[in-house]
């Protein structure tokens, strides 16, 4: 096992990562829930360029080429932010307790889990309207879309005993096709580039890898103290998984077969992790830091952006 890298200090630029986003300045969008703001930070940690007011408790953000979707749980709202201009386009206020957003492969629609109502809501991003609402089960929370774009898996709760599988081959008409019950309580989940589903836990120190066609476990991987979150990259020479253990303050870099490549120290409470444009981003819920790494886990930049920083998404401006 490789030695842990030293804890990253709160410093600014080290060196830019290669393979930045095409078309503009790489920028991180960070949710600052105690400030009720979405904060845009030029990368690598080049300063705050915009603060946008959000409905109460903005927790999670996901971005496409032309819009970001910000989910505010206590504000019962979902906000569409126009890119790259960084302006609020529309606020949907008819949610009970929205939590996670995911965007379809063609960037036309966003799926939002509303755990309070147990529904999956479909938003037409260009039309700025809700086109469908489907009951999936109480606690609908973290979710993942398959590489082929035809399946959506949703964990029912942050400590889920049930995962719902939906057919989304017709993007505006999601249809429940299965309910599975993994052995360990599921917190988050993501599809690997090969198509297997990685399930992180709220109770176990292992990630479970599941075959999506049989729903059977094919492997378990040590992942540190729960809950863990994860993201993948699928670049030439880089088919890699990034798994955070925020309670341990550790990012694990793994091959998609589950082999440990490197352990990297990150600020504690860095739970959520995002990849894109040759970067890996993670934000600390308690320290308010944004940490930017390259795909090999080398520090690109780190800065404090807010009292709390829950989630981050990468865009080009």
Foldseek 3Di string as FASTA:
>chain_A
DDDADDEDDAFFFDADFPQFDPDFFKWKWFDFQVVQWTWIATPPRPGTDDIDHHFHGFFEWEDDAFWIWTFHFVQQWIWIATPPVGHTDDIDNPAHGWEDWDAAPVRQWIWIQRQQQQWIWIAGNVVRGTQDIGHDDHQFYAKEAWPVRQKMWTARHQQGQKIWIWGCPVVSDTHTDDIDGDPGGFHYWYAFPVGWIWTFHQQDQWIFTADVVVRDTDDIAGHGHDDKEKDFDDDVVGRWMWIDDQQVQWIFIAHPVRHTDHIYGYHHQFHYWDDDSQWIWTAHQQCQKIWIAGSNRHGRTMHHDHRGTNYMYIYGD
